[in-house]
Amino acid sequence: MTRRPDLAVIGGGVVGLAVAWRCAQRGLDVHVYHDEIPGTASAVAPGMLAPVSEADFPDPALLEFAHEARRGWPAFAAELTAASGIDLGYATDGLLLVAHGVDDRTRLAAMYGFRDGYDVPCTPLDADGLRAREPLLSAGCRGGGFATEDHHVDAQRVRAALRAAGQALGVRHVTRRVQSLDEVPAGAVLVAAGAWSPSLYASPVTPVRGQVVLLRDPSGGPGIRHGIRGVVGGEPVYLAGRDGHETIVAATLDHTGFDVRPSAQATESLLRKAVALVPALAGHEVTATRVGLRPDTPDHLPVMGRVPGRPGAYVCTGHYRHGVLLAPVAADLMTALLVTGDDGIPAAFTPQRFRSAKETASR
């Protein structure tokens, strides 16, 4: 008879796997339940570690949480690489902020206006300064800046590394989609199933579709030097080099439920913006088009902590576009809660915030 584990993690994304690894380090027997289905966000995420340039909703609690995560990523990356033997593709050479047209400068300034007060140096650059750092940029780019502390990682390698590091400590992986918490016998159960979490715990998490295009240079020429967060025609786009001759172009934002079919219109939009910023990409081959479903919440903040009214059940989801960035600090906080009962999770992220006033009054 199989011994009941101390912890069952439902979800095999970066966040769930990070919690599983940290809990295994603390001596817990951990099982991870995951069935890889189309739309898994971690399988598609471009890997930006950019707490401000990705902060569409600059809530103070989320910004502070994101900056804490950014500060911890170098040590986390070094530890995970050593534990797994996998190169994470962790790049610390900064991010270029690029306005394509004159009007895009205003949009770019609005996107980064709330950087003040955070330790994120952002050096303003004119068009010549941008091209000095990234020669492949279009001559039409109007200016922007350079964010030295915005980093990048290969999210798919991070996921593979977390799985390998966990398995080395005895984490067992079960390929099965869990339909109910009652199906999983364990001392504690953690819901970390991303956009699918509401099927297990009634939280208001909804999927936000994001499409990513992967390009390859058939000539084998040098790729872009830096990650680029651009604005073209008032719309944002993100570019990052990968493995020398590949470029990631990301990412759309669509509220289309659980539809994971690639959209030709979205692909065309991403490529149009990418080529406007880096004309050389026009000759690159499209090698993959991927769709991921980010888990969002009504206030765009994570849901972390004990599941109300369900002893032994916990939740860690709703990280929206920040799952890879927040994974290290989210895992540390959830592990402390699961192992020692120490609850250091920000109050703004508590699951109880979604309970109705009637429910709260009746307690």
Protein backbone atom coordinates (compact mmCIF):
# COMPACT_ATOMS: atom_id res chain seq x y z
CA MET A 1 0.00 0.00 0.00
CA THR A 2 1.36 3.42 -1.01
CA ARG A 3 2.08 5.65 1.97
CA ARG A 4 0.07 8.84 2.11
CA PRO A 5 2.38 11.79 1.27
CA ASP A 6 2.78 14.81 3.50
CA LEU A 7 1.86 17.13 0.65
CA ALA A 8 0.07 16.77 -2.67
CA VAL A 9 0.66 19.63 -5.11
CA ILE A 10 -1.98 19.85 -7.84
CA GLY A 11 -0.34 21.59 -10.79
CA GLY A 12 2.99 21.15 -12.53
CA GLY A 13 3.76 24.73 -13.47
CA VAL A 14 6.72 26.74 -12.22
CA VAL A 15 4.97 27.88 -9.02
CA GLY A 16 3.72 24.44 -8.01
CA LEU A 17 7.06 22.79 -8.78
CA ALA A 18 8.95 25.45 -6.82
CA VAL A 19 6.80 24.79 -3.75
CA ALA A 20 7.27 21.04 -4.17
CA TRP A 21 11.06 21.42 -4.34
CA ARG A 22 11.27 23.72 -1.32
CA CYS A 23 9.00 21.46 0.75
CA ALA A 24 11.06 18.41 -0.20
CA GLN A 25 14.15 20.30 0.97
CA ARG A 26 12.43 20.65 4.35
CA GLY A 27 11.90 16.91 4.57
CA LEU A 28 8.32 16.56 3.35
CA ASP A 29 7.22 13.63 1.21
CA VAL A 30 5.67 15.37 -1.81
CA HIS A 31 3.57 14.16 -4.73
CA VAL A 32 2.86 16.41 -7.72
CA TYR A 33 -0.27 15.76 -9.77
CA HIS A 34 -0.24 17.23 -13.26
CA ASP A 35 -1.65 16.39 -16.64
CA GLU A 36 0.01 18.46 -19.36
CA ILE A 37 -2.81 19.98 -21.37
CA PRO A 38 -2.70 22.71 -24.01
CA GLY A 39 -2.57 26.16 -22.47
CA THR A 40 -0.31 25.44 -19.49
CA ALA A 41 1.17 28.91 -18.90
CA SER A 42 4.63 27.79 -17.80
CA ALA A 43 5.08 25.83 -21.02
CA VAL A 44 4.72 29.04 -23.02
CA ALA A 45 5.92 31.88 -20.77
CA PRO A 46 8.64 34.02 -22.38
CA GLY A 47 10.47 34.32 -19.05
CA MET A 48 10.59 38.03 -18.32
CA LEU A 49 11.83 38.87 -14.83
CA ALA A 50 10.68 42.46 -15.02
CA PRO A 51 8.65 43.58 -12.01
CA VAL A 52 7.83 47.03 -13.35
CA SER A 53 7.85 46.69 -17.12
CA GLU A 54 5.37 43.81 -16.75
CA ALA A 55 3.26 45.51 -14.07
CA ASP A 56 0.09 46.43 -15.93
CA PHE A 57 -1.67 46.91 -12.58
CA PRO A 58 0.85 48.62 -10.25
CA ASP A 59 -0.67 47.63 -6.90
CA PRO A 60 1.78 48.53 -4.09
CA ALA A 61 1.58 45.08 -2.50
CA LEU A 62 2.28 43.35 -5.81
CA LEU A 63 5.10 45.73 -6.74
CA GLU A 64 6.86 45.16 -3.43
CA PHE A 65 6.38 41.40 -3.74
CA ALA A 66 7.72 41.48 -7.30
CA HIS A 67 10.78 43.50 -6.32
CA GLU A 68 11.52 41.12 -3.46
CA ALA A 69 11.37 38.28 -5.98
CA ARG A 70 13.65 40.10 -8.43
CA ARG A 71 16.24 40.68 -5.71
CA GLY A 72 16.17 36.99 -4.84
CA TRP A 73 16.39 35.61 -8.37
CA PRO A 74 20.21 35.55 -8.76
CA ALA A 75 20.63 33.33 -5.68
CA PHE A 76 17.61 31.22 -6.63
CA ALA A 77 18.94 30.68 -10.16
CA ALA A 78 22.39 29.68 -8.87
CA GLU A 79 20.90 27.23 -6.35
CA LEU A 80 18.50 25.68 -8.85
CA THR A 81 21.21 25.30 -11.50
CA ALA A 82 23.47 23.55 -9.00
CA ALA A 83 20.66 21.27 -7.81
CA SER A 84 19.47 20.28 -11.28
CA GLY A 85 22.52 20.59 -13.53
CA ILE A 86 20.37 22.53 -16.00
CA ASP A 87 21.40 25.90 -17.47
CA LEU A 88 18.40 28.21 -16.95
CA GLY A 89 19.38 30.68 -19.66
CA TYR A 90 19.37 33.36 -16.95
CA ALA A 91 20.36 36.71 -18.48
CA THR A 92 21.12 39.77 -16.36
CA ASP A 93 22.09 42.20 -19.11
CA GLY A 94 19.05 44.45 -18.79
CA LEU A 95 16.05 45.37 -20.90
CA LEU A 96 15.69 48.02 -23.59
CA LEU A 97 12.51 50.13 -23.52
CA VAL A 98 11.78 51.30 -27.06
CA ALA A 99 9.22 53.72 -28.46
CA HIS A 100 8.75 53.12 -32.18
CA GLY A 101 6.86 56.28 -33.09
CA VAL A 102 6.57 59.78 -31.68
CA ASP A 103 3.22 59.04 -30.01
CA ASP A 104 4.63 55.83 -28.55
CA ARG A 105 6.90 57.89 -26.33
CA THR A 106 3.88 59.04 -24.33
CA ARG A 107 2.62 55.48 -23.98
CA LEU A 108 6.07 54.28 -22.91
CA ALA A 109 6.34 57.03 -20.28
CA ALA A 110 2.93 56.07 -18.89
CA MET A 111 3.96 52.42 -18.67
CA TYR A 112 7.03 53.21 -16.56
CA GLY A 113 5.92 56.31 -14.70
CA PHE A 114 5.44 54.39 -11.45
CA ARG A 115 9.09 53.28 -11.26
CA ASP A 116 9.83 56.13 -8.85
CA GLY A 117 10.46 54.85 -5.36
CA TYR A 118 11.76 51.45 -6.45
CA ASP A 119 15.38 50.41 -6.87
CA VAL A 120 15.08 49.92 -10.62
CA PRO A 121 17.55 52.12 -12.47
CA CYS A 122 16.21 53.19 -15.85
CA THR A 123 18.54 55.25 -18.00
CA PRO A 124 16.83 57.42 -20.64
CA LEU A 125 18.20 56.89 -24.15
CA ASP A 126 17.65 58.72 -27.40
CA ALA A 127 17.41 56.88 -30.73
CA ASP A 128 21.18 56.81 -31.21
CA GLY A 129 21.72 55.54 -27.68
CA LEU A 130 19.25 52.71 -28.25
CA ARG A 131 20.93 51.59 -31.45
CA ALA A 132 24.35 51.75 -29.80
CA ARG A 133 23.12 49.06 -27.42
CA GLU A 134 21.07 47.19 -30.03
CA PRO A 135 22.33 47.73 -33.60
CA LEU A 136 19.46 45.71 -35.11
CA LEU A 137 16.85 48.24 -33.99
CA SER A 138 14.99 50.15 -36.69
CA ALA A 139 16.26 53.57 -37.66
CA GLY A 140 12.73 54.81 -37.02
CA CYS A 141 12.76 54.13 -33.26
CA ARG A 142 12.28 57.39 -31.38
CA GLY A 143 13.89 56.75 -28.01
CA GLY A 144 13.27 55.02 -24.74
CA GLY A 145 15.51 53.73 -21.98
CA PHE A 146 17.56 50.94 -20.50
CA ALA A 147 16.38 49.08 -17.38
CA THR A 148 19.45 47.48 -15.86
CA GLU A 149 17.59 45.32 -13.34
CA ASP A 150 15.02 43.75 -15.67
CA HIS A 151 16.27 40.23 -16.38
CA HIS A 152 15.23 37.23 -18.45
CA VAL A 153 15.21 33.46 -18.05
CA ASP A 154 14.19 30.48 -20.15
CA ALA A 155 10.95 29.58 -18.37
CA GLN A 156 10.78 26.12 -19.89
CA ARG A 157 14.28 25.32 -18.62
CA VAL A 158 13.31 26.61 -15.17
CA ARG A 159 10.37 24.27 -15.17
CA ALA A 160 12.51 21.31 -16.20
CA ALA A 161 15.12 22.22 -13.58
CA LEU A 162 12.54 22.42 -10.79
CA ARG A 163 11.18 19.03 -11.74
CA ALA A 164 14.67 17.50 -11.80
CA ALA A 165 15.70 19.12 -8.50
CA GLY A 166 12.50 17.92 -6.84
CA GLN A 167 12.86 14.39 -8.15
CA ALA A 168 16.41 14.26 -6.80
CA LEU A 169 14.88 14.79 -3.35
CA GLY A 170 12.19 12.17 -3.83
CA VAL A 171 9.30 14.23 -5.23
CA ARG A 172 6.99 11.84 -7.05
CA HIS A 173 5.14 12.96 -10.19
CA VAL A 174 1.72 11.54 -10.98
CA THR A 175 0.39 12.14 -14.49
CA ARG A 176 -3.29 12.59 -13.78
CA ARG A 177 -5.76 15.44 -13.89
CA VAL A 178 -7.37 15.82 -10.48
CA GLN A 179 -11.08 16.63 -10.54
CA SER A 180 -11.65 17.02 -6.78
CA LEU A 181 -9.55 17.58 -3.68
CA ASP A 182 -11.14 14.47 -2.22
CA GLU A 183 -9.32 12.36 -4.84
CA VAL A 184 -5.93 13.14 -3.34
CA PRO A 185 -5.06 11.48 -0.02
CA ALA A 186 -2.36 13.57 1.63
CA GLY A 187 -1.57 15.35 4.85
CA ALA A 188 -2.02 18.66 3.01
CA VAL A 189 -3.13 19.58 -0.49
CA LEU A 190 -1.96 22.62 -2.45
CA VAL A 191 -4.01 23.93 -5.38
CA ALA A 192 -1.51 25.39 -7.85
CA ALA A 193 -3.30 24.57 -11.08
CA GLY A 194 -3.15 28.02 -12.67
CA ALA A 195 -6.18 28.94 -14.76
CA TRP A 196 -7.78 25.58 -13.91
CA SER A 197 -7.65 26.14 -10.15
CA PRO A 198 -11.35 27.09 -9.81
CA SER A 199 -12.33 23.53 -10.74
CA LEU A 200 -10.79 22.49 -7.40
CA TYR A 201 -11.34 25.56 -5.23
CA ALA A 202 -14.03 28.14 -5.93
CA SER A 203 -11.78 31.14 -6.51
CA PRO A 204 -12.49 33.84 -9.13
CA VAL A 205 -9.45 32.96 -11.26
CA THR A 206 -9.98 33.39 -14.98
CA PRO A 207 -7.78 32.54 -17.99
CA VAL A 208 -6.14 35.32 -19.98
CA ARG A 209 -4.86 34.02 -23.28
CA GLY A 210 -1.36 34.91 -24.42
CA GLN A 211 0.14 34.00 -27.78
CA VAL A 212 3.88 33.70 -28.37
CA VAL A 213 5.74 33.33 -31.67
CA LEU A 214 9.19 31.75 -31.92
CA LEU A 215 11.43 32.84 -34.83
CA ARG A 216 14.70 31.41 -36.11
CA ASP A 217 17.27 33.07 -38.35
CA PRO A 218 17.91 30.62 -41.23
CA SER A 219 21.26 32.29 -41.96
CA GLY A 220 22.52 31.68 -38.44
CA GLY A 221 23.30 35.35 -37.95
CA PRO A 222 23.64 37.00 -34.54
CA GLY A 223 20.42 37.66 -32.67
CA ILE A 224 19.36 40.63 -30.59
CA ARG A 225 21.64 41.48 -27.68
CA HIS A 226 19.02 42.50 -25.12
CA GLY A 227 15.45 41.86 -24.24
CA ILE A 228 13.30 44.58 -25.79
CA ARG A 229 10.04 45.90 -24.37
CA GLY A 230 8.65 48.04 -27.17
CA VAL A 231 5.59 50.09 -27.99
CA VAL A 232 4.46 50.14 -31.61
CA GLY A 233 1.34 52.05 -32.59
CA GLY A 234 0.43 52.32 -28.90
CA GLU A 235 0.61 48.53 -28.40
CA PRO A 236 3.28 46.73 -26.34
CA VAL A 237 5.43 43.88 -27.64
CA TYR A 238 8.30 41.95 -26.09
CA LEU A 239 11.33 40.45 -27.86
CA ALA A 240 14.04 38.25 -26.41
CA GLY A 241 16.87 36.24 -27.91
CA ARG A 242 17.20 32.54 -27.17
CA ASP A 243 19.93 30.02 -28.02
CA GLY A 244 21.80 32.44 -30.28
CA HIS A 245 19.65 32.38 -33.41
CA GLU A 246 16.10 32.36 -32.03
CA THR A 247 13.85 35.23 -31.05
CA ILE A 248 10.75 35.08 -28.85
CA VAL A 249 7.99 37.52 -29.74
CA ALA A 250 5.36 37.97 -27.04
CA ALA A 251 2.62 38.29 -26.10
CA THR A 252 -1.02 38.99 -26.74
CA LEU A 253 -3.69 39.57 -24.07
CA ASP A 254 -7.11 38.13 -24.89
CA HIS A 255 -10.08 37.17 -22.77
CA THR A 256 -11.32 34.20 -24.77
CA GLY A 257 -11.86 31.62 -22.06
CA PHE A 258 -10.05 28.32 -22.48
CA ASP A 259 -9.62 28.60 -26.25
CA VAL A 260 -6.00 27.61 -26.93
CA ARG A 261 -6.11 27.60 -30.72
CA PRO A 262 -3.42 29.86 -32.23
CA SER A 263 -4.83 32.91 -33.96
CA ALA A 264 -3.48 33.95 -37.36
CA GLN A 265 -4.52 37.52 -36.59
CA ALA A 266 -2.56 37.53 -33.31
CA THR A 267 0.49 36.07 -35.05
CA GLU A 268 0.31 38.75 -37.75
CA SER A 269 0.03 41.49 -35.11
CA LEU A 270 3.02 40.21 -33.14
CA LEU A 271 5.17 39.86 -36.26
CA ARG A 272 4.19 43.30 -37.55
CA LYS A 273 5.29 44.95 -34.30
CA ALA A 274 8.44 42.85 -34.06
CA VAL A 275 9.56 43.73 -37.60
CA ALA A 276 8.78 47.41 -37.01
CA LEU A 277 11.29 47.37 -34.15
CA VAL A 278 13.83 44.95 -35.66
CA PRO A 279 13.50 44.87 -39.48
CA ALA A 280 15.92 41.93 -39.81
CA LEU A 281 13.28 39.67 -38.28
CA ALA A 282 11.29 39.89 -41.51
CA GLY A 283 13.56 37.22 -42.97
CA HIS A 284 13.29 34.82 -40.04
CA GLU A 285 11.29 31.60 -40.03
CA VAL A 286 8.32 31.06 -37.74
CA THR A 287 9.20 27.80 -35.98
CA ALA A 288 6.41 27.71 -33.39
CA THR A 289 3.26 29.51 -32.35
CA ARG A 290 2.17 28.81 -28.79
CA VAL A 291 -0.74 29.79 -26.59
CA GLY A 292 -0.74 29.93 -22.80
CA LEU A 293 -3.52 30.75 -20.34
CA ARG A 294 -2.42 33.08 -17.57
CA PRO A 295 -4.39 32.83 -14.31
CA ASP A 296 -5.83 36.27 -13.49
CA THR A 297 -8.06 37.52 -10.66
CA PRO A 298 -10.51 40.45 -10.41
CA ASP A 299 -7.93 42.61 -8.62
CA HIS A 300 -4.99 41.09 -10.58
CA LEU A 301 -3.32 39.90 -7.37
CA PRO A 302 -2.27 36.35 -6.48
CA VAL A 303 -4.36 34.06 -4.30
CA MET A 304 -2.15 32.48 -1.64
CA GLY A 305 -2.82 30.86 1.70
CA ARG A 306 -5.21 28.51 3.47
CA VAL A 307 -8.42 27.57 1.69
CA PRO A 308 -11.27 28.96 3.83
CA GLY A 309 -13.37 26.27 5.47
CA ARG A 310 -11.18 23.41 4.26
CA PRO A 311 -8.58 22.27 6.83
CA GLY A 312 -5.41 20.96 5.25
CA ALA A 313 -6.09 22.65 1.91
CA TYR A 314 -4.02 25.52 0.54
CA VAL A 315 -3.95 27.57 -2.65
CA CYS A 316 -1.22 29.35 -4.60
CA THR A 317 -2.43 30.65 -7.95
CA GLY A 318 -3.54 33.80 -9.78
CA HIS A 319 -0.04 35.09 -10.51
CA TYR A 320 -1.16 36.29 -13.96
CA ARG A 321 1.89 37.45 -15.97
CA HIS A 322 4.27 37.16 -13.03
CA GLY A 323 4.35 33.43 -12.26
CA VAL A 324 7.98 32.85 -13.24
CA LEU A 325 9.18 36.04 -11.54
CA LEU A 326 7.27 35.41 -8.30
CA ALA A 327 7.90 31.66 -8.05
CA PRO A 328 10.93 31.84 -5.69
CA VAL A 329 9.36 34.10 -3.07
CA ALA A 330 5.92 32.50 -3.41
CA ALA A 331 7.49 29.09 -2.84
CA ASP A 332 9.37 30.28 0.24
CA LEU A 333 6.24 31.76 1.82
CA MET A 334 4.03 28.78 1.01
CA THR A 335 6.68 26.37 2.29
CA ALA A 336 6.91 28.24 5.59
CA LEU A 337 3.13 28.08 5.92
CA LEU A 338 2.95 24.39 5.03
CA VAL A 339 5.90 23.24 7.14
CA THR A 340 5.75 25.45 10.24
CA GLY A 341 2.39 27.24 10.03
CA ASP A 342 4.18 30.59 9.80
CA ASP A 343 1.98 32.82 7.65
CA GLY A 344 4.03 35.65 6.16
CA ILE A 345 1.93 35.98 3.00
CA PRO A 346 0.86 39.58 2.27
CA ALA A 347 -2.66 40.25 3.49
CA ALA A 348 -3.60 41.59 0.04
CA PHE A 349 -3.22 38.06 -1.37
CA THR A 350 -5.42 36.20 1.09
CA PRO A 351 -8.16 33.97 -0.38
CA GLN A 352 -10.60 35.40 2.16
CA ARG A 353 -10.72 38.71 0.30
CA PHE A 354 -13.12 37.18 -2.22
CA ARG A 355 -15.61 35.97 0.36
CA SER A 356 -18.88 37.87 0.28
CA ALA A 357 -19.83 40.28 3.04
CA LYS A 358 -22.64 37.89 4.04
CA GLU A 359 -20.19 35.00 4.40
CA THR A 360 -17.81 37.13 6.44
CA ALA A 361 -20.56 38.36 8.76
CA SER A 362 -21.81 34.84 9.43
CA ARG A 363 -18.45 33.57 10.65
